[in-house]
């Protein structure tokens, strides 16, 4: 964004009184989307809790002219997510620590002096976080000869595709005892087929 300054000098003669004044014109020349940059851009993968550093620049701009947006909403200083350092024609920005709620988020910079001018390109956030299983089940009762199933909520990015299970801290190899992991964050379950009295114990599932 280039900004040109012109000063125009006027002298008016009204009823034999001379009025002299100056008008200062600021004429902006839009640099277009090529003049506004976010570096790096595209998809960036971060683990939950990490921070992301990038630069936002535009011709004839300073860090005070820049608004950082997440999913088209300005990121406020009160959110304690952004640190800004001034660089030539822009700002070096640190965003984070990232949360799993930021996954698939889109970061971009806007320059508030020219809100209708093109934005920068976007950074697309891919936030990874370790898998977990909820709820923590205790004191469940099953009837001998029936099947016992309890739902599990499994999360994680990348989503886990395998599991292991133990009974009283010993690995379970019995084919009657299975863990079904749903697709994505879908429904998952722990099942014991044809329950018998020897199945009593404390079970742990790890993903």
N, C-alpha and C. Protein backbone atom coordinates (compact mmCIF):
# COMPACT_ATOMS: atom_id res chain seq x y z
N UNK A 1 0.85 -1.18 0.00
CA UNK A 1 0.00 0.00 0.00
C UNK A 1 0.89 1.23 0.00
N UNK A 2 0.90 2.00 -1.05
CA UNK A 2 1.67 3.22 -1.11
C UNK A 2 0.76 4.40 -0.84
N UNK A 3 1.21 5.34 -0.05
CA UNK A 3 0.41 6.51 0.30
C UNK A 3 1.14 7.76 -0.16
N UNK A 4 0.47 8.59 -0.98
CA UNK A 4 1.06 9.80 -1.51
C UNK A 4 0.37 11.00 -0.86
N UNK A 5 1.15 12.04 -0.53
CA UNK A 5 0.64 13.22 0.14
C UNK A 5 0.74 14.43 -0.78
N UNK A 6 -0.36 15.16 -0.90
CA UNK A 6 -0.38 16.40 -1.68
C UNK A 6 -0.93 17.51 -0.79
N UNK A 7 -0.30 18.69 -0.85
CA UNK A 7 -0.79 19.84 -0.10
C UNK A 7 -1.26 20.88 -1.11
N UNK A 8 -2.52 21.28 -1.02
CA UNK A 8 -3.10 22.25 -1.94
C UNK A 8 -3.30 23.58 -1.22
N UNK A 9 -2.87 24.66 -1.87
CA UNK A 9 -2.89 25.98 -1.27
C UNK A 9 -3.99 26.80 -1.95
N UNK A 10 -4.90 27.36 -1.12
CA UNK A 10 -6.01 28.15 -1.65
C UNK A 10 -5.99 29.54 -1.03
N UNK A 11 -6.29 30.55 -1.85
CA UNK A 11 -6.50 31.91 -1.35
C UNK A 11 -7.85 32.39 -1.86
N UNK A 12 -8.75 32.75 -0.94
CA UNK A 12 -10.07 33.22 -1.31
C UNK A 12 -10.20 34.70 -0.95
N UNK A 13 -10.84 35.46 -1.82
CA UNK A 13 -11.10 36.88 -1.57
C UNK A 13 -12.61 37.05 -1.47
N UNK A 14 -13.09 37.20 -0.21
CA UNK A 14 -14.52 37.35 0.02
C UNK A 14 -14.75 38.66 0.74
N UNK A 15 -15.52 39.57 0.08
CA UNK A 15 -15.81 40.88 0.64
C UNK A 15 -14.54 41.58 1.11
N UNK A 16 -13.55 41.54 0.22
CA UNK A 16 -12.27 42.20 0.44
C UNK A 16 -11.47 41.64 1.61
N UNK A 17 -11.90 40.49 2.11
CA UNK A 17 -11.12 39.81 3.14
C UNK A 17 -10.47 38.58 2.52
N UNK A 18 -9.24 38.44 2.80
CA UNK A 18 -8.48 37.35 2.20
C UNK A 18 -8.38 36.19 3.20
N UNK A 19 -8.82 35.04 2.74
CA UNK A 19 -8.72 33.82 3.55
C UNK A 19 -7.74 32.87 2.88
N UNK A 20 -6.79 32.42 3.64
CA UNK A 20 -5.76 31.53 3.09
C UNK A 20 -5.76 30.23 3.90
N UNK A 21 -5.81 29.13 3.21
CA UNK A 21 -5.79 27.86 3.94
C UNK A 21 -5.16 26.78 3.06
N UNK A 22 -4.87 25.68 3.72
CA UNK A 22 -4.21 24.55 3.07
C UNK A 22 -5.09 23.31 3.24
N UNK A 23 -5.13 22.53 2.25
CA UNK A 23 -5.81 21.24 2.33
C UNK A 23 -4.78 20.15 2.06
N UNK A 24 -4.70 19.22 2.96
CA UNK A 24 -3.76 18.11 2.82
C UNK A 24 -4.53 16.88 2.37
N UNK A 25 -4.12 16.37 1.24
CA UNK A 25 -4.81 15.20 0.69
C UNK A 25 -3.91 13.98 0.84
N UNK A 26 -4.50 12.90 1.33
CA UNK A 26 -3.81 11.61 1.37
C UNK A 26 -4.46 10.72 0.33
N UNK A 27 -3.71 10.37 -0.67
CA UNK A 27 -4.23 9.54 -1.76
C UNK A 27 -3.54 8.19 -1.69
N UNK A 28 -4.33 7.17 -1.46
CA UNK A 28 -3.75 5.84 -1.30
C UNK A 28 -3.78 5.10 -2.62
N UNK A 29 -2.72 4.39 -2.85
CA UNK A 29 -2.64 3.51 -4.01
C UNK A 29 -2.63 2.08 -3.50
N UNK A 30 -3.73 1.36 -3.72
CA UNK A 30 -3.84 0.00 -3.20
C UNK A 30 -2.85 -0.91 -3.90
N UNK A 31 -2.14 -1.64 -3.07
CA UNK A 31 -1.16 -2.56 -3.63
C UNK A 31 -1.80 -3.84 -4.11
N UNK A 32 -3.10 -4.05 -3.72
CA UNK A 32 -3.76 -5.29 -4.11
C UNK A 32 -3.31 -6.43 -3.22
N UNK A 33 -3.84 -7.63 -3.45
CA UNK A 33 -3.53 -8.77 -2.60
C UNK A 33 -2.05 -9.12 -2.63
N UNK A 34 -1.36 -8.78 -3.72
CA UNK A 34 0.06 -9.08 -3.78
C UNK A 34 0.85 -8.25 -2.79
N UNK A 35 0.31 -7.08 -2.38
CA UNK A 35 1.01 -6.22 -1.46
C UNK A 35 0.82 -6.59 -0.01
N UNK A 36 -0.05 -7.55 0.28
CA UNK A 36 -0.31 -7.96 1.64
C UNK A 36 0.09 -9.43 1.77
N UNK A 37 0.93 -9.71 2.73
CA UNK A 37 1.49 -11.05 2.81
C UNK A 37 1.42 -11.57 4.24
N UNK A 38 1.17 -12.88 4.36
CA UNK A 38 1.32 -13.59 5.62
C UNK A 38 2.28 -14.75 5.34
N UNK A 39 3.33 -14.83 6.15
CA UNK A 39 4.39 -15.80 5.89
C UNK A 39 4.70 -16.55 7.19
N UNK A 40 4.57 -17.89 7.21
CA UNK A 40 4.16 -18.74 6.09
C UNK A 40 2.65 -18.70 5.91
N UNK A 41 2.15 -19.32 4.85
CA UNK A 41 0.71 -19.47 4.63
C UNK A 41 0.43 -20.93 4.32
N UNK A 42 -0.87 -21.25 4.13
CA UNK A 42 -1.24 -22.64 3.90
C UNK A 42 -1.43 -23.36 5.22
N UNK A 43 -1.47 -24.68 5.17
CA UNK A 43 -1.73 -25.48 6.37
C UNK A 43 -0.48 -25.60 7.23
N UNK A 44 -0.67 -25.39 8.53
CA UNK A 44 0.40 -25.53 9.51
C UNK A 44 -0.08 -26.48 10.60
N UNK A 45 0.73 -27.48 10.93
CA UNK A 45 0.38 -28.45 11.96
C UNK A 45 1.13 -28.15 13.24
N UNK A 46 0.39 -28.06 14.34
CA UNK A 46 0.96 -27.78 15.66
C UNK A 46 0.36 -28.73 16.68
N UNK A 47 1.15 -29.07 17.68
CA UNK A 47 0.61 -29.83 18.81
C UNK A 47 -0.07 -28.86 19.77
N UNK A 48 -1.13 -29.32 20.42
CA UNK A 48 -1.83 -28.49 21.39
C UNK A 48 -0.84 -27.95 22.41
N UNK A 49 -0.92 -26.63 22.67
CA UNK A 49 -0.01 -26.00 23.61
C UNK A 49 1.17 -25.30 22.97
N UNK A 50 1.44 -25.58 21.69
CA UNK A 50 2.54 -24.92 21.00
C UNK A 50 2.10 -23.54 20.52
N UNK A 51 3.09 -22.73 20.09
CA UNK A 51 2.80 -21.40 19.55
C UNK A 51 3.25 -21.35 18.09
N UNK A 52 2.63 -20.45 17.34
CA UNK A 52 2.92 -20.27 15.92
C UNK A 52 3.47 -18.87 15.70
N UNK A 53 4.59 -18.77 14.98
CA UNK A 53 5.18 -17.47 14.66
C UNK A 53 5.08 -17.23 13.16
N UNK A 54 4.67 -16.01 12.78
CA UNK A 54 4.54 -15.67 11.37
C UNK A 54 4.63 -14.17 11.22
N UNK A 55 4.78 -13.70 9.97
CA UNK A 55 4.87 -12.27 9.67
C UNK A 55 3.68 -11.84 8.83
N UNK A 56 3.17 -10.65 9.12
CA UNK A 56 2.17 -10.00 8.28
C UNK A 56 2.76 -8.68 7.80
N UNK A 57 2.80 -8.48 6.50
CA UNK A 57 3.40 -7.27 5.96
C UNK A 57 2.54 -6.69 4.85
N UNK A 58 2.70 -5.39 4.63
CA UNK A 58 2.03 -4.68 3.54
C UNK A 58 2.80 -3.40 3.29
N UNK A 59 2.81 -2.94 2.06
CA UNK A 59 3.55 -1.73 1.73
C UNK A 59 3.04 -0.55 2.54
N UNK A 60 3.98 0.22 3.10
CA UNK A 60 3.68 1.46 3.83
C UNK A 60 2.80 1.25 5.05
N UNK A 61 2.84 0.05 5.65
CA UNK A 61 2.06 -0.20 6.85
C UNK A 61 2.99 -0.43 8.04
N UNK A 62 2.44 -0.32 9.23
CA UNK A 62 3.17 -0.62 10.45
C UNK A 62 2.38 -1.63 11.25
N UNK A 63 3.00 -2.11 12.33
CA UNK A 63 2.32 -3.13 13.14
C UNK A 63 1.03 -2.61 13.75
N UNK A 64 0.93 -1.30 14.01
CA UNK A 64 -0.28 -0.75 14.62
C UNK A 64 -1.47 -0.75 13.66
N UNK A 65 -1.21 -0.95 12.37
CA UNK A 65 -2.29 -0.96 11.39
C UNK A 65 -2.90 -2.34 11.18
N UNK A 66 -2.37 -3.36 11.84
CA UNK A 66 -2.73 -4.74 11.51
C UNK A 66 -3.73 -5.31 12.52
N UNK A 67 -4.73 -5.98 12.01
CA UNK A 67 -5.68 -6.73 12.83
C UNK A 67 -5.54 -8.20 12.46
N UNK A 68 -5.29 -9.04 13.46
CA UNK A 68 -5.24 -10.49 13.23
C UNK A 68 -6.64 -11.05 13.42
N UNK A 69 -7.08 -11.87 12.45
CA UNK A 69 -8.40 -12.46 12.53
C UNK A 69 -8.31 -13.98 12.57
N UNK A 70 -9.14 -14.59 13.40
CA UNK A 70 -9.29 -16.04 13.46
C UNK A 70 -10.71 -16.36 13.08
N UNK A 71 -10.87 -17.08 11.96
CA UNK A 71 -12.21 -17.39 11.45
C UNK A 71 -13.05 -16.12 11.28
N UNK A 72 -12.44 -15.10 10.68
CA UNK A 72 -13.09 -13.83 10.34
C UNK A 72 -13.48 -13.01 11.56
N UNK A 73 -12.94 -13.32 12.73
CA UNK A 73 -13.20 -12.54 13.94
C UNK A 73 -11.88 -12.02 14.49
N UNK A 74 -11.85 -10.74 14.84
CA UNK A 74 -10.63 -10.14 15.36
C UNK A 74 -10.21 -10.83 16.65
N UNK A 75 -8.92 -11.15 16.75
CA UNK A 75 -8.38 -11.73 17.98
C UNK A 75 -8.04 -10.58 18.92
N UNK A 76 -8.67 -10.54 20.08
CA UNK A 76 -8.53 -9.43 21.02
C UNK A 76 -7.32 -9.63 21.92
N UNK A 77 -6.72 -8.51 22.33
CA UNK A 77 -5.56 -8.58 23.23
C UNK A 77 -5.94 -9.26 24.55
N UNK A 78 -7.20 -9.10 24.98
CA UNK A 78 -7.64 -9.68 26.25
C UNK A 78 -7.64 -11.20 26.23
N UNK A 79 -7.57 -11.80 25.04
CA UNK A 79 -7.57 -13.26 24.95
C UNK A 79 -6.19 -13.84 25.24
N UNK A 80 -5.17 -12.98 25.35
CA UNK A 80 -3.81 -13.42 25.67
C UNK A 80 -3.30 -14.49 24.71
N UNK A 81 -3.61 -14.31 23.44
CA UNK A 81 -3.18 -15.27 22.43
C UNK A 81 -2.16 -14.70 21.46
N UNK A 82 -1.93 -13.38 21.51
CA UNK A 82 -1.13 -12.74 20.47
C UNK A 82 -0.06 -11.85 21.09
N UNK A 83 1.16 -11.97 20.55
CA UNK A 83 2.24 -11.04 20.85
C UNK A 83 2.74 -10.48 19.53
N UNK A 84 2.93 -9.16 19.47
CA UNK A 84 3.27 -8.48 18.22
C UNK A 84 4.58 -7.73 18.39
N UNK A 85 5.48 -7.89 17.41
CA UNK A 85 6.73 -7.15 17.35
C UNK A 85 6.79 -6.43 16.02
N UNK A 86 7.16 -5.14 16.04
CA UNK A 86 7.20 -4.36 14.81
C UNK A 86 8.39 -4.76 13.94
N UNK A 87 8.12 -4.93 12.65
CA UNK A 87 9.17 -5.14 11.65
C UNK A 87 8.89 -4.19 10.49
N UNK A 88 9.77 -4.17 9.50
CA UNK A 88 9.56 -3.30 8.35
C UNK A 88 8.23 -3.62 7.67
N UNK A 89 7.38 -2.59 7.51
CA UNK A 89 6.10 -2.71 6.79
C UNK A 89 5.15 -3.74 7.39
N UNK A 90 5.23 -3.95 8.70
CA UNK A 90 4.30 -4.91 9.26
C UNK A 90 4.67 -5.38 10.65
N UNK A 91 4.36 -6.64 10.93
CA UNK A 91 4.53 -7.16 12.27
C UNK A 91 4.95 -8.62 12.24
N UNK A 92 5.78 -8.98 13.22
CA UNK A 92 6.06 -10.38 13.52
C UNK A 92 5.11 -10.78 14.64
N UNK A 93 4.31 -11.80 14.40
CA UNK A 93 3.23 -12.17 15.32
C UNK A 93 3.47 -13.57 15.87
N UNK A 94 3.23 -13.72 17.17
CA UNK A 94 3.23 -15.03 17.81
C UNK A 94 1.81 -15.29 18.29
N UNK A 95 1.24 -16.42 17.86
CA UNK A 95 -0.13 -16.79 18.21
C UNK A 95 -0.08 -18.08 19.01
N UNK A 96 -0.75 -18.07 20.13
CA UNK A 96 -0.79 -19.30 20.92
C UNK A 96 -0.74 -19.01 22.42
N UNK A 97 -0.73 -20.04 23.24
CA UNK A 97 -0.68 -21.45 22.83
C UNK A 97 -1.98 -21.90 22.16
N UNK A 98 -1.84 -22.72 21.12
CA UNK A 98 -3.01 -23.17 20.38
C UNK A 98 -3.77 -24.21 21.20
N UNK A 99 -5.08 -24.23 20.99
CA UNK A 99 -5.96 -25.17 21.68
C UNK A 99 -6.60 -26.08 20.64
N UNK A 100 -7.15 -27.18 21.09
CA UNK A 100 -7.81 -28.09 20.15
C UNK A 100 -9.02 -27.43 19.52
N UNK A 101 -9.60 -26.44 20.20
CA UNK A 101 -10.74 -25.72 19.60
C UNK A 101 -10.30 -24.87 18.41
N UNK A 102 -9.00 -24.63 18.26
CA UNK A 102 -8.49 -23.88 17.11
C UNK A 102 -8.32 -24.77 15.88
N UNK A 103 -8.50 -26.09 16.03
CA UNK A 103 -8.31 -26.99 14.90
C UNK A 103 -9.21 -26.59 13.73
N UNK A 104 -8.65 -26.60 12.54
CA UNK A 104 -9.33 -26.18 11.31
C UNK A 104 -9.59 -24.67 11.27
N UNK A 105 -9.02 -23.93 12.21
CA UNK A 105 -9.18 -22.48 12.21
C UNK A 105 -8.39 -21.83 11.09
N UNK A 106 -8.83 -20.62 10.69
CA UNK A 106 -8.20 -19.87 9.61
C UNK A 106 -7.71 -18.53 10.15
N UNK A 107 -6.39 -18.33 10.10
CA UNK A 107 -5.79 -17.07 10.52
C UNK A 107 -5.48 -16.22 9.31
N UNK A 108 -5.75 -14.92 9.40
CA UNK A 108 -5.37 -14.00 8.34
C UNK A 108 -5.20 -12.61 8.94
N UNK A 109 -4.53 -11.74 8.21
CA UNK A 109 -4.31 -10.38 8.67
C UNK A 109 -5.15 -9.41 7.84
N UNK A 110 -5.69 -8.40 8.52
CA UNK A 110 -6.38 -7.31 7.85
C UNK A 110 -5.69 -6.01 8.27
N UNK A 111 -5.85 -4.99 7.46
CA UNK A 111 -5.20 -3.71 7.71
C UNK A 111 -6.30 -2.67 7.85
N UNK A 112 -6.56 -2.23 9.12
CA UNK A 112 -7.81 -1.55 9.40
C UNK A 112 -7.94 -0.20 8.73
N UNK A 113 -6.85 0.38 8.23
CA UNK A 113 -7.00 1.65 7.52
C UNK A 113 -7.73 1.48 6.20
N UNK A 114 -7.69 0.26 5.67
CA UNK A 114 -8.31 0.00 4.37
C UNK A 114 -9.10 -1.30 4.47
N UNK A 115 -10.22 -1.29 5.20
CA UNK A 115 -10.94 -2.54 5.48
C UNK A 115 -11.53 -3.21 4.26
N UNK A 116 -11.70 -2.48 3.16
CA UNK A 116 -12.27 -3.11 1.98
C UNK A 116 -11.20 -3.63 1.03
N UNK A 117 -9.96 -3.44 1.37
CA UNK A 117 -8.90 -3.96 0.52
C UNK A 117 -8.70 -5.44 0.79
N UNK A 118 -8.02 -6.16 -0.09
CA UNK A 118 -7.90 -7.61 0.08
C UNK A 118 -7.18 -7.99 1.37
N UNK A 119 -7.61 -9.10 1.94
CA UNK A 119 -6.91 -9.66 3.08
C UNK A 119 -5.64 -10.35 2.60
N UNK A 120 -4.82 -10.73 3.58
CA UNK A 120 -3.71 -11.61 3.25
C UNK A 120 -4.24 -13.01 2.94
N UNK A 121 -3.37 -13.85 2.47
CA UNK A 121 -3.71 -15.27 2.38
C UNK A 121 -3.93 -15.81 3.80
N UNK A 122 -4.33 -17.05 3.92
CA UNK A 122 -4.67 -17.62 5.22
C UNK A 122 -3.65 -18.64 5.68
N UNK A 123 -3.56 -18.78 7.00
CA UNK A 123 -2.92 -19.93 7.63
C UNK A 123 -4.03 -20.83 8.14
N UNK A 124 -4.02 -22.08 7.74
CA UNK A 124 -5.03 -23.04 8.21
C UNK A 124 -4.39 -23.91 9.29
N UNK A 125 -5.00 -23.92 10.45
CA UNK A 125 -4.44 -24.59 11.61
C UNK A 125 -4.88 -26.04 11.69
N UNK A 126 -3.92 -26.93 11.82
CA UNK A 126 -4.20 -28.33 12.12
C UNK A 126 -3.59 -28.61 13.49
N UNK A 127 -4.43 -28.69 14.52
CA UNK A 127 -3.96 -28.83 15.89
C UNK A 127 -4.09 -30.29 16.32
N UNK A 128 -2.97 -30.90 16.65
CA UNK A 128 -2.99 -32.29 17.11
C UNK A 128 -3.03 -32.32 18.64
N UNK A 129 -3.65 -33.37 19.18
CA UNK A 129 -3.69 -33.53 20.63
C UNK A 129 -3.78 -35.02 20.94
N UNK A 130 -3.29 -35.42 22.11
CA UNK A 130 -3.22 -36.85 22.42
C UNK A 130 -4.60 -37.46 22.61
N UNK A 131 -4.72 -38.76 22.35
CA UNK A 131 -6.03 -39.42 22.51
C UNK A 131 -6.42 -39.53 23.98
N UNK A 132 -7.72 -39.60 24.22
CA UNK A 132 -8.22 -39.81 25.57
C UNK A 132 -9.52 -40.58 25.49
N UNK A 133 -9.87 -41.22 26.61
CA UNK A 133 -11.11 -42.01 26.69
C UNK A 133 -11.90 -41.53 27.90
N UNK A 134 -13.19 -41.29 27.69
CA UNK A 134 -14.09 -40.96 28.80
C UNK A 134 -15.39 -41.74 28.60
N UNK A 135 -16.15 -42.05 29.63
CA UNK A 135 -15.86 -41.77 31.03
C UNK A 135 -15.00 -42.86 31.67
N UNK A 136 -14.54 -42.58 32.86
CA UNK A 136 -13.82 -43.57 33.66
C UNK A 136 -14.87 -44.40 34.40
N UNK A 137 -15.05 -45.65 34.00
CA UNK A 137 -16.16 -46.47 34.49
C UNK A 137 -15.73 -47.23 35.73
N UNK A 138 -16.59 -47.24 36.73
CA UNK A 138 -16.30 -48.00 37.95
C UNK A 138 -17.56 -48.76 38.39
N UNK A 139 -17.36 -49.92 38.99
CA UNK A 139 -18.43 -50.68 39.66
C UNK A 139 -19.62 -50.97 38.74
N UNK A 140 -19.33 -51.48 37.55
CA UNK A 140 -20.40 -51.92 36.65
C UNK A 140 -20.76 -53.37 36.98
N UNK A 141 -22.03 -53.72 36.80
CA UNK A 141 -22.51 -55.07 37.10
C UNK A 141 -23.02 -55.73 35.82
N UNK A 142 -22.62 -56.98 35.59
CA UNK A 142 -23.09 -57.73 34.43
C UNK A 142 -23.67 -59.06 34.90
N UNK A 143 -24.61 -59.60 34.12
CA UNK A 143 -25.26 -60.87 34.46
C UNK A 143 -24.58 -62.00 33.68
N UNK A 144 -24.23 -63.07 34.40
CA UNK A 144 -23.54 -64.19 33.76
C UNK A 144 -24.39 -64.75 32.62
N UNK A 145 -23.74 -65.01 31.47
CA UNK A 145 -24.41 -65.57 30.31
C UNK A 145 -24.92 -64.52 29.33
N UNK A 146 -24.88 -63.25 29.72
CA UNK A 146 -25.32 -62.18 28.82
C UNK A 146 -24.09 -61.44 28.26
N UNK A 147 -24.37 -60.50 27.39
CA UNK A 147 -23.30 -59.64 26.86
C UNK A 147 -23.33 -58.30 27.59
N UNK A 148 -22.15 -57.79 27.88
CA UNK A 148 -22.04 -56.51 28.56
C UNK A 148 -21.35 -55.52 27.61
N UNK A 149 -21.99 -54.36 27.40
CA UNK A 149 -21.40 -53.32 26.55
C UNK A 149 -21.54 -51.97 27.24
N UNK A 150 -20.48 -51.20 27.22
CA UNK A 150 -20.55 -49.84 27.75
C UNK A 150 -19.95 -48.88 26.74
N UNK A 151 -20.57 -47.72 26.53
CA UNK A 151 -20.04 -46.78 25.53
C UNK A 151 -18.76 -46.11 26.00
N UNK A 152 -17.93 -45.76 25.05
CA UNK A 152 -16.71 -45.01 25.32
C UNK A 152 -16.68 -43.78 24.41
N UNK A 153 -16.19 -42.69 24.94
CA UNK A 153 -15.94 -41.51 24.12
C UNK A 153 -14.44 -41.38 23.93
N UNK A 154 -14.01 -41.55 22.69
CA UNK A 154 -12.58 -41.49 22.37
C UNK A 154 -12.33 -40.27 21.51
N UNK A 155 -11.35 -39.48 21.90
CA UNK A 155 -10.96 -38.31 21.12
C UNK A 155 -9.47 -38.34 20.86
N UNK A 156 -9.05 -37.53 19.92
CA UNK A 156 -7.62 -37.42 19.60
C UNK A 156 -7.42 -36.99 18.16
N UNK A 157 -6.35 -36.28 17.92
CA UNK A 157 -5.99 -35.89 16.56
C UNK A 157 -4.47 -35.98 16.44
N UNK A 158 -3.98 -36.97 15.67
CA UNK A 158 -4.76 -37.89 14.84
C UNK A 158 -5.58 -38.87 15.69
N UNK A 159 -6.73 -39.28 15.13
CA UNK A 159 -7.63 -40.16 15.86
C UNK A 159 -7.02 -41.55 15.96
N UNK A 160 -7.07 -42.17 17.16
CA UNK A 160 -6.47 -43.50 17.32
C UNK A 160 -7.21 -44.57 16.51
N UNK A 161 -6.46 -45.51 16.00
CA UNK A 161 -7.06 -46.58 15.20
C UNK A 161 -6.87 -47.95 15.85
N UNK A 162 -6.17 -47.99 16.97
CA UNK A 162 -5.94 -49.28 17.64
C UNK A 162 -5.99 -49.07 19.15
N UNK A 163 -6.11 -50.17 19.88
CA UNK A 163 -6.19 -50.09 21.34
C UNK A 163 -5.60 -51.35 21.94
N UNK A 164 -5.31 -51.28 23.21
CA UNK A 164 -4.97 -52.49 23.96
C UNK A 164 -5.72 -52.45 25.28
N UNK A 165 -5.98 -53.62 25.83
CA UNK A 165 -6.80 -53.70 27.04
C UNK A 165 -6.14 -54.66 28.03
N UNK A 166 -6.33 -54.33 29.30
CA UNK A 166 -5.80 -55.19 30.35
C UNK A 166 -6.90 -55.47 31.37
N UNK A 167 -6.76 -56.60 32.05
CA UNK A 167 -7.63 -56.94 33.17
C UNK A 167 -6.73 -57.18 34.37
N UNK A 168 -6.95 -56.41 35.41
CA UNK A 168 -6.10 -56.50 36.61
C UNK A 168 -4.62 -56.39 36.22
N UNK A 169 -4.34 -55.46 35.27
CA UNK A 169 -3.00 -55.12 34.81
C UNK A 169 -2.33 -56.24 34.00
N UNK A 170 -3.13 -57.20 33.54
CA UNK A 170 -2.62 -58.27 32.68
C UNK A 170 -3.28 -58.14 31.31
N UNK A 171 -2.48 -58.24 30.23
CA UNK A 171 -3.02 -58.09 28.88
C UNK A 171 -4.13 -59.10 28.61
N UNK A 172 -5.21 -58.62 27.98
CA UNK A 172 -6.35 -59.48 27.67
C UNK A 172 -6.24 -59.98 26.23
N UNK A 173 -6.26 -61.31 26.05
CA UNK A 173 -6.20 -61.93 24.73
C UNK A 173 -7.49 -62.62 24.36
N UNK A 174 -8.45 -62.66 25.28
CA UNK A 174 -9.73 -63.35 25.06
C UNK A 174 -10.52 -62.64 23.96
N UNK A 175 -10.90 -63.38 22.91
CA UNK A 175 -11.61 -62.79 21.79
C UNK A 175 -13.02 -62.34 22.12
N UNK A 176 -13.55 -62.75 23.28
CA UNK A 176 -14.89 -62.30 23.68
C UNK A 176 -14.87 -60.85 24.14
N UNK A 177 -13.69 -60.37 24.50
CA UNK A 177 -13.57 -59.03 25.09
C UNK A 177 -12.96 -58.11 24.03
N UNK A 178 -13.75 -57.16 23.58
CA UNK A 178 -13.33 -56.33 22.44
C UNK A 178 -13.57 -54.84 22.71
N UNK A 179 -12.80 -54.03 22.00
CA UNK A 179 -13.00 -52.57 21.99
C UNK A 179 -13.30 -52.17 20.55
N UNK A 180 -14.44 -51.57 20.36
CA UNK A 180 -14.81 -51.06 19.04
C UNK A 180 -14.53 -49.57 19.01
N UNK A 181 -13.61 -49.15 18.13
CA UNK A 181 -13.29 -47.73 18.00
C UNK A 181 -14.05 -47.17 16.82
N UNK A 182 -14.93 -46.21 17.11
CA UNK A 182 -15.72 -45.59 16.05
C UNK A 182 -14.86 -44.77 15.11
N UNK A 183 -15.41 -44.46 13.96
CA UNK A 183 -14.71 -43.65 12.96
C UNK A 183 -14.69 -42.19 13.39
N UNK A 184 -13.52 -41.56 13.26
CA UNK A 184 -13.41 -40.17 13.69
C UNK A 184 -13.70 -40.07 15.17
N UNK A 185 -14.55 -39.13 15.56
CA UNK A 185 -14.96 -39.02 16.96
C UNK A 185 -16.32 -39.69 17.18
N UNK A 186 -16.60 -40.72 16.39
CA UNK A 186 -17.87 -41.42 16.50
C UNK A 186 -17.93 -42.30 17.72
N UNK A 187 -19.08 -43.01 17.86
CA UNK A 187 -19.34 -43.84 19.04
C UNK A 187 -18.37 -45.01 19.10
N UNK A 188 -17.82 -45.25 20.28
CA UNK A 188 -16.95 -46.40 20.53
C UNK A 188 -17.51 -47.17 21.71
N UNK A 189 -17.04 -48.40 21.90
CA UNK A 189 -17.61 -49.20 22.98
C UNK A 189 -16.64 -50.27 23.44
N UNK A 190 -16.87 -50.75 24.67
CA UNK A 190 -16.15 -51.88 25.26
C UNK A 190 -17.18 -52.98 25.51
N UNK A 191 -16.88 -54.21 25.03
CA UNK A 191 -17.86 -55.30 25.08
C UNK A 191 -17.22 -56.58 25.64
N UNK A 192 -17.98 -57.27 26.47
CA UNK A 192 -17.64 -58.63 26.89
C UNK A 192 -18.81 -59.53 26.48
N UNK A 193 -18.56 -60.46 25.57
CA UNK A 193 -19.59 -61.40 25.12
C UNK A 193 -19.67 -62.57 26.09
N UNK A 194 -20.91 -63.07 26.32
CA UNK A 194 -21.14 -64.27 27.12
C UNK A 194 -20.37 -64.20 28.45
N UNK A 195 -20.77 -63.25 29.25
CA UNK A 195 -20.06 -62.97 30.50
C UNK A 195 -20.07 -64.21 31.40
N UNK A 196 -18.94 -64.50 32.02
CA UNK A 196 -18.89 -65.54 33.05
C UNK A 196 -18.20 -64.97 34.29
N UNK A 197 -18.29 -65.74 35.38
CA UNK A 197 -17.83 -65.22 36.67
C UNK A 197 -16.34 -64.93 36.70
N UNK A 198 -15.58 -65.59 35.80
CA UNK A 198 -14.13 -65.31 35.78
C UNK A 198 -13.81 -63.97 35.14
N UNK A 199 -14.80 -63.33 34.56
CA UNK A 199 -14.57 -62.04 33.91
C UNK A 199 -14.55 -60.89 34.93
N UNK A 200 -14.91 -61.15 36.16
CA UNK A 200 -14.87 -60.10 37.16
C UNK A 200 -13.45 -59.58 37.31
N UNK A 201 -13.32 -58.26 37.41
CA UNK A 201 -11.99 -57.66 37.55
C UNK A 201 -12.00 -56.20 37.15
N UNK A 202 -10.84 -55.61 37.13
CA UNK A 202 -10.66 -54.21 36.77
C UNK A 202 -10.04 -54.13 35.38
N UNK A 203 -10.76 -53.48 34.45
CA UNK A 203 -10.31 -53.41 33.04
C UNK A 203 -9.82 -51.99 32.72
N UNK A 204 -8.77 -51.96 31.93
CA UNK A 204 -8.21 -50.70 31.46
C UNK A 204 -8.06 -50.77 29.94
N UNK A 205 -8.48 -49.70 29.27
CA UNK A 205 -8.33 -49.61 27.81
C UNK A 205 -7.40 -48.43 27.51
N UNK A 206 -6.39 -48.69 26.72
CA UNK A 206 -5.46 -47.64 26.28
C UNK A 206 -5.51 -47.51 24.76
N UNK A 207 -5.43 -46.28 24.27
CA UNK A 207 -5.42 -46.04 22.82
C UNK A 207 -4.19 -45.24 22.46
